[in-house]
C-alpha cells in the first residue's frame, strides 16, 4: 500500500478555498482515480508546534493506492484536468510525495 501526499505550504496571506476543495476538487480526483483510490483523507492546518505559530501546511491530502504504478496509471490520463483545477481553489504550488505505508 502506498500513500500519495499532496502538501500545500502555509504562508502569510495565502488563500485556499477549503469549501471548493472538499466539495468539488476532491470528488473530481476520487472520480478520476476510480478503483485505484483506496481512500482519501484531507487535513486542514490550524496551528504550528508552538503556541500561536501558524501551521506548516494550510492543507494536506493523503490518497491511498495499492502501488505507485496503480496510482500513476489512474492519474496520468486525467493529470491535466486535475492539476488544471488547482487555480480554482489556490495559487499555492503543491508538493507531492509518494510513500510506502508501513503501519
PDB file of N, CA and C in Angstrom:
ATOM      1  N   UNK A   1       0.847  -1.170   0.000  1.00  0.00           N
ATOM      2  CA  UNK A   1       0.000   0.000   0.000  1.00  0.00           C
ATOM      3  C   UNK A   1       0.891   1.229   0.000  1.00  0.00           C
ATOM      4  N   UNK A   2       0.506   2.211  -0.802  1.00  0.00           N
ATOM      5  CA  UNK A   2       1.247   3.472  -0.826  1.00  0.00           C
ATOM      6  C   UNK A   2       0.300   4.620  -0.493  1.00  0.00           C
ATOM      7  N   UNK A   3       0.916   5.735  -0.128  1.00  0.00           N
ATOM      8  CA  UNK A   3       0.160   6.946   0.164  1.00  0.00           C
ATOM      9  C   UNK A   3       0.753   8.077  -0.672  1.00  0.00           C
ATOM     10  N   UNK A   4      -0.098   8.721  -1.440  1.00  0.00           N
ATOM     11  CA  UNK A   4       0.300   9.904  -2.191  1.00  0.00           C
ATOM     12  C   UNK A   4      -0.141  11.098  -1.364  1.00  0.00           C
ATOM     13  N   UNK A   5       0.819  11.889  -0.901  1.00  0.00           N
ATOM     14  CA  UNK A   5       0.522  13.061  -0.081  1.00  0.00           C
ATOM     15  C   UNK A   5       0.770  14.314  -0.890  1.00  0.00           C
ATOM     16  N   UNK A   6      -0.197  15.221  -0.827  1.00  0.00           N
ATOM     17  CA  UNK A   6      -0.090  16.496  -1.528  1.00  0.00           C
ATOM     18  C   UNK A   6      -0.109  17.576  -0.451  1.00  0.00           C
ATOM     19  N   UNK A   7       0.995  18.338  -0.357  1.00  0.00           N
ATOM     20  CA  UNK A   7       1.175  19.350   0.677  1.00  0.00           C
ATOM     21  C   UNK A   7       1.017  20.741   0.072  1.00  0.00           C
ATOM     22  N   UNK A   8       0.200  21.565   0.715  1.00  0.00           N
ATOM     23  CA  UNK A   8       0.018  22.960   0.321  1.00  0.00           C
ATOM     24  C   UNK A   8       0.607  23.824   1.433  1.00  0.00           C
ATOM     25  N   UNK A   9       1.843  24.346   1.258  1.00  0.00           N
ATOM     26  CA  UNK A   9       2.512  25.112   2.312  1.00  0.00           C
ATOM     27  C   UNK A   9       1.751  26.385   2.693  1.00  0.00           C
ATOM     28  N   UNK A  10       1.747  26.672   4.000  1.00  0.00           N
ATOM     29  CA  UNK A  10       1.154  27.895   4.516  1.00  0.00           C
ATOM     30  C   UNK A  10       2.150  29.029   4.356  1.00  0.00           C
ATOM     31  N   UNK A  11       1.655  30.203   4.039  1.00  0.00           N
ATOM     32  CA  UNK A  11       2.442  31.432   4.113  1.00  0.00           C
ATOM     33  C   UNK A  11       1.477  32.577   4.358  1.00  0.00           C
ATOM     34  N   UNK A  12       1.983  33.668   4.896  1.00  0.00           N
ATOM     35  CA  UNK A  12       1.134  34.815   5.222  1.00  0.00           C
ATOM     36  C   UNK A  12       0.378  35.283   3.981  1.00  0.00           C
ATOM     37  N   UNK A  13      -0.898  35.494   4.134  1.00  0.00           N
ATOM     38  CA  UNK A  13      -1.724  35.997   3.048  1.00  0.00           C
ATOM     39  C   UNK A  13      -2.164  34.959   2.035  1.00  0.00           C
ATOM     40  N   UNK A  14      -1.771  33.719   2.247  1.00  0.00           N
ATOM     41  CA  UNK A  14      -2.121  32.664   1.312  1.00  0.00           C
ATOM     42  C   UNK A  14      -3.634  32.427   1.340  1.00  0.00           C
ATOM     43  N   UNK A  15      -4.186  32.127   0.174  1.00  0.00           N
ATOM     44  CA  UNK A  15      -5.616  31.822   0.097  1.00  0.00           C
ATOM     45  C   UNK A  15      -5.798  30.375  -0.337  1.00  0.00           C
ATOM     46  N   UNK A  16      -6.747  29.720   0.301  1.00  0.00           N
ATOM     47  CA  UNK A  16      -7.066  28.336  -0.013  1.00  0.00           C
ATOM     48  C   UNK A  16      -8.553  28.164   0.253  1.00  0.00           C
ATOM     49  N   UNK A  17      -9.317  27.857  -0.783  1.00  0.00           N
ATOM     50  CA  UNK A  17     -10.769  27.706  -0.664  1.00  0.00           C
ATOM     51  C   UNK A  17     -11.083  26.257  -0.291  1.00  0.00           C
ATOM     52  N   UNK A  18     -11.114  25.994   1.019  1.00  0.00           N
ATOM     53  CA  UNK A  18     -11.335  24.635   1.506  1.00  0.00           C
ATOM     54  C   UNK A  18     -12.719  24.124   1.112  1.00  0.00           C
ATOM     55  N   UNK A  19     -13.700  24.997   1.083  1.00  0.00           N
ATOM     56  CA  UNK A  19     -15.052  24.579   0.697  1.00  0.00           C
ATOM     57  C   UNK A  19     -15.043  24.020  -0.730  1.00  0.00           C
ATOM     58  N   UNK A  20     -14.413  24.737  -1.661  1.00  0.00           N
ATOM     59  CA  UNK A  20     -14.314  24.267  -3.047  1.00  0.00           C
ATOM     60  C   UNK A  20     -13.497  22.973  -3.107  1.00  0.00           C
ATOM     61  N   UNK A  21     -12.412  22.944  -2.373  1.00  0.00           N
ATOM     62  CA  UNK A  21     -11.520  21.784  -2.373  1.00  0.00           C
ATOM     63  C   UNK A  21     -12.278  20.514  -1.978  1.00  0.00           C
ATOM     64  N   UNK A  22     -13.054  20.619  -0.904  1.00  0.00           N
ATOM     65  CA  UNK A  22     -13.786  19.457  -0.400  1.00  0.00           C
ATOM     66  C   UNK A  22     -15.002  19.103  -1.256  1.00  0.00           C
ATOM     67  N   UNK A  23     -15.718  20.118  -1.733  1.00  0.00           N
ATOM     68  CA  UNK A  23     -16.974  19.874  -2.452  1.00  0.00           C
ATOM     69  C   UNK A  23     -16.790  19.595  -3.939  1.00  0.00           C
ATOM     70  N   UNK A  24     -15.695  20.100  -4.523  1.00  0.00           N
ATOM     71  CA  UNK A  24     -15.516  19.987  -5.973  1.00  0.00           C
ATOM     72  C   UNK A  24     -14.235  19.263  -6.371  1.00  0.00           C
ATOM     73  N   UNK A  25     -13.094  19.728  -5.853  1.00  0.00           N
ATOM     74  CA  UNK A  25     -11.820  19.168  -6.304  1.00  0.00           C
ATOM     75  C   UNK A  25     -11.632  17.719  -5.859  1.00  0.00           C
ATOM     76  N   UNK A  26     -11.859  17.430  -4.597  1.00  0.00           N
ATOM     77  CA  UNK A  26     -11.638  16.066  -4.124  1.00  0.00           C
ATOM     78  C   UNK A  26     -12.604  15.064  -4.762  1.00  0.00           C
ATOM     79  N   UNK A  27     -13.885  15.388  -4.951  1.00  0.00           N
ATOM     80  CA  UNK A  27     -14.748  14.458  -5.702  1.00  0.00           C
ATOM     81  C   UNK A  27     -14.265  14.233  -7.137  1.00  0.00           C
ATOM     82  N   UNK A  28     -13.705  15.272  -7.762  1.00  0.00           N
ATOM     83  CA  UNK A  28     -13.133  15.133  -9.101  1.00  0.00           C
ATOM     84  C   UNK A  28     -11.974  14.137  -9.068  1.00  0.00           C
ATOM     85  N   UNK A  29     -11.058  14.305  -8.134  1.00  0.00           N
ATOM     86  CA  UNK A  29      -9.903  13.413  -8.004  1.00  0.00           C
ATOM     87  C   UNK A  29     -10.371  11.981  -7.761  1.00  0.00           C
ATOM     88  N   UNK A  30     -11.275  11.822  -6.831  1.00  0.00           N
ATOM     89  CA  UNK A  30     -11.766  10.484  -6.486  1.00  0.00           C
ATOM     90  C   UNK A  30     -12.441   9.811  -7.681  1.00  0.00           C
ATOM     91  N   UNK A  31     -13.242  10.570  -8.417  1.00  0.00           N
ATOM     92  CA  UNK A  31     -13.926  10.011  -9.588  1.00  0.00           C
ATOM     93  C   UNK A  31     -12.939   9.614 -10.678  1.00  0.00           C
ATOM     94  N   UNK A  32     -11.930  10.434 -10.914  1.00  0.00           N
ATOM     95  CA  UNK A  32     -10.967  10.143 -11.977  1.00  0.00           C
ATOM     96  C   UNK A  32     -10.049   8.984 -11.608  1.00  0.00           C
ATOM     97  N   UNK A  33      -9.700   8.840 -10.345  1.00  0.00           N
ATOM     98  CA  UNK A  33      -8.842   7.732  -9.930  1.00  0.00           C
ATOM     99  C   UNK A  33      -9.599   6.416  -9.886  1.00  0.00           C
ATOM    100  N   UNK A  34     -10.898   6.479  -9.671  1.00  0.00           N
ATOM    101  CA  UNK A  34     -11.724   5.280  -9.673  1.00  0.00           C
ATOM    102  C   UNK A  34     -11.266   4.253  -8.655  1.00  0.00           C
ATOM    103  N   UNK A  35     -11.253   2.990  -9.072  1.00  0.00           N
ATOM    104  CA  UNK A  35     -10.926   1.879  -8.177  1.00  0.00           C
ATOM    105  C   UNK A  35      -9.479   1.918  -7.677  1.00  0.00           C
ATOM    106  N   UNK A  36      -8.611   2.682  -8.333  1.00  0.00           N
ATOM    107  CA  UNK A  36      -7.220   2.795  -7.878  1.00  0.00           C
ATOM    108  C   UNK A  36      -7.134   3.520  -6.534  1.00  0.00           C
ATOM    109  N   UNK A  37      -8.130   4.351  -6.243  1.00  0.00           N
ATOM    110  CA  UNK A  37      -8.171   5.096  -4.981  1.00  0.00           C
ATOM    111  C   UNK A  37      -8.763   4.208  -3.900  1.00  0.00           C
ATOM    112  N   UNK A  38      -7.968   3.908  -2.888  1.00  0.00           N
ATOM    113  CA  UNK A  38      -8.405   3.059  -1.786  1.00  0.00           C
ATOM    114  C   UNK A  38      -8.838   3.869  -0.563  1.00  0.00           C
ATOM    115  N   UNK A  39      -8.690   5.181  -0.627  1.00  0.00           N
ATOM    116  CA  UNK A  39      -9.107   6.054   0.461  1.00  0.00           C
ATOM    117  C   UNK A  39      -8.473   7.420   0.324  1.00  0.00           C
ATOM    118  N   UNK A  40      -9.153   8.428   0.855  1.00  0.00           N
ATOM    119  CA  UNK A  40      -8.645   9.804   0.835  1.00  0.00           C
ATOM    120  C   UNK A  40      -8.902  10.437   2.198  1.00  0.00           C
ATOM    121  N   UNK A  41      -7.892  11.143   2.707  1.00  0.00           N
ATOM    122  CA  UNK A  41      -8.022  11.955   3.918  1.00  0.00           C
ATOM    123  C   UNK A  41      -7.541  13.356   3.601  1.00  0.00           C
ATOM    124  N   UNK A  42      -8.269  14.350   4.071  1.00  0.00           N
ATOM    125  CA  UNK A  42      -7.884  15.740   3.887  1.00  0.00           C
ATOM    126  C   UNK A  42      -7.674  16.362   5.262  1.00  0.00           C
ATOM    127  N   UNK A  43      -6.511  17.000   5.448  1.00  0.00           N
ATOM    128  CA  UNK A  43      -6.193  17.695   6.694  1.00  0.00           C
ATOM    129  C   UNK A  43      -6.151  19.193   6.420  1.00  0.00           C
ATOM    130  N   UNK A  44      -6.728  19.984   7.333  1.00  0.00           N
ATOM    131  CA  UNK A  44      -6.617  21.436   7.255  1.00  0.00           C
ATOM    132  C   UNK A  44      -5.733  21.890   8.399  1.00  0.00           C
ATOM    133  N   UNK A  45      -4.615  22.546   8.071  1.00  0.00           N
ATOM    134  CA  UNK A  45      -3.688  23.026   9.096  1.00  0.00           C
ATOM    135  C   UNK A  45      -4.320  24.119   9.930  1.00  0.00           C
ATOM    136  N   UNK A  46      -4.142  24.026  11.253  1.00  0.00           N
ATOM    137  CA  UNK A  46      -4.712  25.046  12.137  1.00  0.00           C
ATOM    138  C   UNK A  46      -3.677  25.696  13.058  1.00  0.00           C
ATOM    139  N   UNK A  47      -2.531  25.052  13.271  1.00  0.00           N
ATOM    140  CA  UNK A  47      -1.524  25.619  14.167  1.00  0.00           C
ATOM    141  C   UNK A  47      -0.191  24.927  13.959  1.00  0.00           C
ATOM    142  N   UNK A  48       0.860  25.605  14.406  1.00  0.00           N
ATOM    143  CA  UNK A  48       2.199  25.034  14.367  1.00  0.00           C
ATOM    144  C   UNK A  48       2.517  24.347  15.676  1.00  0.00           C
ATOM    145  N   UNK A  49       3.797  24.053  15.887  1.00  0.00           N
ATOM    146  CA  UNK A  49       4.204  23.269  17.059  1.00  0.00           C
ATOM    147  C   UNK A  49       4.310  24.084  18.347  1.00  0.00           C
ATOM    148  N   UNK A  50       4.301  25.397  18.236  1.00  0.00           N
ATOM    149  CA  UNK A  50       4.365  26.234  19.437  1.00  0.00           C
ATOM    150  C   UNK A  50       3.121  27.116  19.499  1.00  0.00           C
ATOM    151  N   UNK A  51       2.734  27.541  20.691  1.00  0.00           N
ATOM    152  CA  UNK A  51       1.540  28.371  20.822  1.00  0.00           C
ATOM    153  C   UNK A  51       1.602  29.615  19.918  1.00  0.00           C
ATOM    154  N   UNK A  52       0.557  29.823  19.161  1.00  0.00           N
ATOM    155  CA  UNK A  52       0.465  30.993  18.295  1.00  0.00           C
ATOM    156  C   UNK A  52       1.155  30.857  16.951  1.00  0.00           C
ATOM    157  N   UNK A  53       1.885  29.762  16.744  1.00  0.00           N
ATOM    158  CA  UNK A  53       2.595  29.568  15.467  1.00  0.00           C
ATOM    159  C   UNK A  53       1.608  29.104  14.395  1.00  0.00           C
ATOM    160  N   UNK A  54       1.799  29.581  13.174  1.00  0.00           N
ATOM    161  CA  UNK A  54       0.931  29.130  12.090  1.00  0.00           C
ATOM    162  C   UNK A  54       1.286  27.693  11.687  1.00  0.00           C
ATOM    163  N   UNK A  55       0.377  27.024  10.997  1.00  0.00           N
ATOM    164  CA  UNK A  55       0.673  25.664  10.536  1.00  0.00           C
ATOM    165  C   UNK A  55       1.747  25.681   9.457  1.00  0.00           C
ATOM    166  N   UNK A  56       2.457  24.593   9.307  1.00  0.00           N
ATOM    167  CA  UNK A  56       3.431  24.479   8.215  1.00  0.00           C
ATOM    168  C   UNK A  56       2.720  24.352   6.874  1.00  0.00           C
ATOM    169  N   UNK A  57       1.546  23.718   6.904  1.00  0.00           N
ATOM    170  CA  UNK A  57       0.774  23.499   5.682  1.00  0.00           C
ATOM    171  C   UNK A  57      -0.665  23.918   5.915  1.00  0.00           C
ATOM    172  N   UNK A  58      -1.231  24.614   4.956  1.00  0.00           N
ATOM    173  CA  UNK A  58      -2.628  25.030   5.056  1.00  0.00           C
ATOM    174  C   UNK A  58      -3.559  23.857   4.786  1.00  0.00           C
ATOM    175  N   UNK A  59      -3.083  22.914   3.975  1.00  0.00           N
ATOM    176  CA  UNK A  59      -3.852  21.705   3.686  1.00  0.00           C
ATOM    177  C   UNK A  59      -2.905  20.596   3.254  1.00  0.00           C
ATOM    178  N   UNK A  60      -3.313  19.368   3.563  1.00  0.00           N
ATOM    179  CA  UNK A  60      -2.600  18.174   3.124  1.00  0.00           C
ATOM    180  C   UNK A  60      -3.657  17.141   2.753  1.00  0.00           C
ATOM    181  N   UNK A  61      -3.474  16.497   1.619  1.00  0.00           N
ATOM    182  CA  UNK A  61      -4.354  15.396   1.254  1.00  0.00           C
ATOM    183  C   UNK A  61      -3.511  14.136   1.151  1.00  0.00           C
ATOM    184  N   UNK A  62      -4.086  13.012   1.611  1.00  0.00           N
ATOM    185  CA  UNK A  62      -3.433  11.714   1.535  1.00  0.00           C
ATOM    186  C   UNK A  62      -4.342  10.777   0.752  1.00  0.00           C
ATOM    187  N   UNK A  63      -3.812  10.216  -0.316  1.00  0.00           N
ATOM    188  CA  UNK A  63      -4.567   9.294  -1.170  1.00  0.00           C
ATOM    189  C   UNK A  63      -3.899   7.925  -1.073  1.00  0.00           C
ATOM    190  N   UNK A  64      -4.670   6.924  -0.722  1.00  0.00           N
ATOM    191  CA  UNK A  64      -4.145   5.562  -0.641  1.00  0.00           C
ATOM    192  C   UNK A  64      -4.361   4.831  -1.957  1.00  0.00           C
ATOM    193  N   UNK A  65      -3.357   4.046  -2.355  1.00  0.00           N
ATOM    194  CA  UNK A  65      -3.424   3.215  -3.563  1.00  0.00           C
ATOM    195  C   UNK A  65      -2.585   1.966  -3.323  1.00  0.00           C
ATOM    196  N   UNK A  66      -2.792   0.950  -4.148  1.00  0.00           N
ATOM    197  CA  UNK A  66      -2.062  -0.311  -3.993  1.00  0.00           C
ATOM    198  C   UNK A  66      -0.569  -0.170  -4.293  1.00  0.00           C
ATOM    199  N   UNK A  67      -0.232   0.642  -5.294  1.00  0.00           N
ATOM    200  CA  UNK A  67       1.168   0.778  -5.702  1.00  0.00           C
ATOM    201  C   UNK A  67       1.348   2.093  -6.452  1.00  0.00           C
ATOM    202  N   UNK A  68       2.604   2.547  -6.583  1.00  0.00           N
ATOM    203  CA  UNK A  68       2.833   3.742  -7.391  1.00  0.00           C
ATOM    204  C   UNK A  68       2.335   3.551  -8.823  1.00  0.00           C
ATOM    205  N   UNK A  69       2.522   2.368  -9.354  1.00  0.00           N
ATOM    206  CA  UNK A  69       2.106   2.088 -10.731  1.00  0.00           C
ATOM    207  C   UNK A  69       0.591   2.167 -10.884  1.00  0.00           C
ATOM    208  N   UNK A  70      -0.140   1.630  -9.903  1.00  0.00           N
ATOM    209  CA  UNK A  70      -1.607   1.686  -9.947  1.00  0.00           C
ATOM    210  C   UNK A  70      -2.091   3.128  -9.874  1.00  0.00           C
ATOM    211  N   UNK A  71      -1.478   3.915  -8.984  1.00  0.00           N
ATOM    212  CA  UNK A  71      -1.861   5.324  -8.875  1.00  0.00           C
ATOM    213  C   UNK A  71      -1.547   6.061 -10.170  1.00  0.00           C
ATOM    214  N   UNK A  72      -0.332   5.910 -10.665  1.00  0.00           N
ATOM    215  CA  UNK A  72       0.088   6.644 -11.854  1.00  0.00           C
ATOM    216  C   UNK A  72      -0.723   6.254 -13.082  1.00  0.00           C
ATOM    217  N   UNK A  73      -1.090   4.989 -13.206  1.00  0.00           N
ATOM    218  CA  UNK A  73      -1.905   4.547 -14.337  1.00  0.00           C
ATOM    219  C   UNK A  73      -3.285   5.198 -14.305  1.00  0.00           C
ATOM    220  N   UNK A  74      -3.837   5.377 -13.107  1.00  0.00           N
ATOM    221  CA  UNK A  74      -5.150   6.014 -12.970  1.00  0.00           C
ATOM    222  C   UNK A  74      -5.063   7.530 -13.094  1.00  0.00           C
ATOM    223  N   UNK A  75      -3.987   8.120 -12.587  1.00  0.00           N
ATOM    224  CA  UNK A  75      -3.831   9.575 -12.555  1.00  0.00           C
ATOM    225  C   UNK A  75      -3.432  10.162 -13.907  1.00  0.00           C
ATOM    226  N   UNK A  76      -2.506   9.513 -14.584  1.00  0.00           N
ATOM    227  CA  UNK A  76      -1.909  10.073 -15.808  1.00  0.00           C
ATOM    228  C   UNK A  76      -2.925  10.526 -16.851  1.00  0.00           C
ATOM    229  N   UNK A  77      -3.960   9.742 -17.172  1.00  0.00           N
ATOM    230  CA  UNK A  77      -4.900  10.180 -18.203  1.00  0.00           C
ATOM    231  C   UNK A  77      -5.700  11.432 -17.815  1.00  0.00           C
ATOM    232  N   UNK A  78      -5.736  11.750 -16.505  1.00  0.00           N
ATOM    233  CA  UNK A  78      -6.538  12.866 -16.006  1.00  0.00           C
ATOM    234  C   UNK A  78      -5.695  13.971 -15.382  1.00  0.00           C
ATOM    235  N   UNK A  79      -4.375  13.847 -15.508  1.00  0.00           N
ATOM    236  CA  UNK A  79      -3.470  14.781 -14.846  1.00  0.00           C
ATOM    237  C   UNK A  79      -3.757  16.229 -15.220  1.00  0.00           C
ATOM    238  N   UNK A  80      -3.923  16.525 -16.487  1.00  0.00           N
ATOM    239  CA  UNK A  80      -4.151  17.912 -16.902  1.00  0.00           C
ATOM    240  C   UNK A  80      -5.443  18.470 -16.320  1.00  0.00           C
ATOM    241  N   UNK A  81      -6.489  17.652 -16.291  1.00  0.00           N
ATOM    242  CA  UNK A  81      -7.762  18.102 -15.721  1.00  0.00           C
ATOM    243  C   UNK A  81      -7.637  18.351 -14.216  1.00  0.00           C
ATOM    244  N   UNK A  82      -7.022  17.408 -13.506  1.00  0.00           N
ATOM    245  CA  UNK A  82      -6.882  17.536 -12.053  1.00  0.00           C
ATOM    246  C   UNK A  82      -5.977  18.702 -11.689  1.00  0.00           C
ATOM    247  N   UNK A  83      -4.810  18.772 -12.296  1.00  0.00           N
ATOM    248  CA  UNK A  83      -3.875  19.863 -11.994  1.00  0.00           C
ATOM    249  C   UNK A  83      -4.419  21.209 -12.484  1.00  0.00           C
ATOM    250  N   UNK A  84      -5.174  21.176 -13.561  1.00  0.00           N
ATOM    251  CA  UNK A  84      -5.759  22.401 -14.096  1.00  0.00           C
ATOM    252  C   UNK A  84      -6.832  22.995 -13.208  1.00  0.00           C
ATOM    253  N   UNK A  85      -7.354  22.210 -12.286  1.00  0.00           N
ATOM    254  CA  UNK A  85      -8.381  22.694 -11.363  1.00  0.00           C
ATOM    255  C   UNK A  85      -7.779  23.434 -10.175  1.00  0.00           C
ATOM    256  N   UNK A  86      -6.494  23.279  -9.916  1.00  0.00           N
ATOM    257  CA  UNK A  86      -5.859  23.890  -8.744  1.00  0.00           C
ATOM    258  C   UNK A  86      -6.086  25.403  -8.668  1.00  0.00           C
ATOM    259  N   UNK A  87      -5.958  26.170  -9.759  1.00  0.00           N
ATOM    260  CA  UNK A  87      -6.183  27.617  -9.651  1.00  0.00           C
ATOM    261  C   UNK A  87      -7.597  27.997  -9.194  1.00  0.00           C
ATOM    262  N   UNK A  88      -8.526  27.054  -9.218  1.00  0.00           N
ATOM    263  CA  UNK A  88      -9.883  27.347  -8.748  1.00  0.00           C
ATOM    264  C   UNK A  88      -9.996  27.413  -7.229  1.00  0.00           C
ATOM    265  N   UNK A  89      -8.960  26.897  -6.517  1.00  0.00           N
ATOM    266  CA  UNK A  89      -9.025  26.957  -5.051  1.00  0.00           C
ATOM    267  C   UNK A  89      -7.778  27.548  -4.394  1.00  0.00           C
ATOM    268  N   UNK A  90      -6.671  27.691  -5.139  1.00  0.00           N
ATOM    269  CA  UNK A  90      -5.468  28.295  -4.550  1.00  0.00           C
ATOM    270  C   UNK A  90      -4.450  28.641  -5.630  1.00  0.00           C
ATOM    271  N   UNK A  91      -3.512  29.510  -5.243  1.00  0.00           N
ATOM    272  CA  UNK A  91      -2.367  29.818  -6.107  1.00  0.00           C
ATOM    273  C   UNK A  91      -1.109  29.112  -5.602  1.00  0.00           C
ATOM    274  N   UNK A  92      -1.253  28.342  -4.547  1.00  0.00           N
ATOM    275  CA  UNK A  92      -0.121  27.622  -3.943  1.00  0.00           C
ATOM    276  C   UNK A  92       0.332  26.505  -4.883  1.00  0.00           C
ATOM    277  N   UNK A  93       1.636  26.389  -5.052  1.00  0.00           N
ATOM    278  CA  UNK A  93       2.216  25.270  -5.797  1.00  0.00           C
ATOM    279  C   UNK A  93       2.375  24.102  -4.825  1.00  0.00           C
ATOM    280  N   UNK A  94       1.634  23.009  -5.017  1.00  0.00           N
ATOM    281  CA  UNK A  94       1.732  21.893  -4.073  1.00  0.00           C
ATOM    282  C   UNK A  94       3.013  21.084  -4.255  1.00  0.00           C
ATOM    283  N   UNK A  95       3.395  20.412  -3.185  1.00  0.00           N
ATOM    284  CA  UNK A  95       4.491  19.453  -3.203  1.00  0.00           C
ATOM    285  C   UNK A  95       3.877  18.069  -3.037  1.00  0.00           C
ATOM    286  N   UNK A  96       4.349  17.116  -3.843  1.00  0.00           N
ATOM    287  CA  UNK A  96       3.778  15.770  -3.830  1.00  0.00           C
ATOM    288  C   UNK A  96       4.834  14.764  -3.406  1.00  0.00           C
ATOM    289  N   UNK A  97       4.426  13.841  -2.553  1.00  0.00           N
ATOM    290  CA  UNK A  97       5.323  12.767  -2.120  1.00  0.00           C
ATOM    291  C   UNK A  97       4.569  11.449  -2.155  1.00  0.00           C
ATOM    292  N   UNK A  98       5.231  10.403  -2.648  1.00  0.00           N
ATOM    293  CA  UNK A  98       4.683   9.061  -2.602  1.00  0.00           C
ATOM    294  C   UNK A  98       5.463   8.277  -1.552  1.00  0.00           C
ATOM    295  N   UNK A  99       4.739   7.693  -0.613  1.00  0.00           N
ATOM    296  CA  UNK A  99       5.354   6.958   0.487  1.00  0.00           C
ATOM    297  C   UNK A  99       4.809   5.544   0.543  1.00  0.00           C
ATOM    298  N   UNK A 100       5.612   4.644   1.058  1.00  0.00           N
ATOM    299  CA  UNK A 100       5.138   3.304   1.339  1.00  0.00           C
ATOM    300  C   UNK A 100       4.562   3.296   2.753  1.00  0.00           C
ATOM    301  N   UNK A 101       3.336   2.808   2.890  1.00  0.00           N
ATOM    302  CA  UNK A 101       2.680   2.746   4.193  1.00  0.00           C
ATOM    303  C   UNK A 101       3.236   1.538   4.945  1.00  0.00           C
ATOM    304  N   UNK A 102       3.779   1.788   6.112  1.00  0.00           N
ATOM    305  CA  UNK A 102       4.384   0.729   6.919  1.00  0.00           C
ATOM    306  C   UNK A 102       3.489   0.272   8.066  1.00  0.00           C
ATOM    307  N   UNK A 103       2.561   1.111   8.450  1.00  0.00           N
ATOM    308  CA  UNK A 103       1.675   0.746   9.569  1.00  0.00           C
ATOM    309  C   UNK A 103       0.378   1.473   9.464  1.00  0.00           C
TER     310      UNK A 103
END
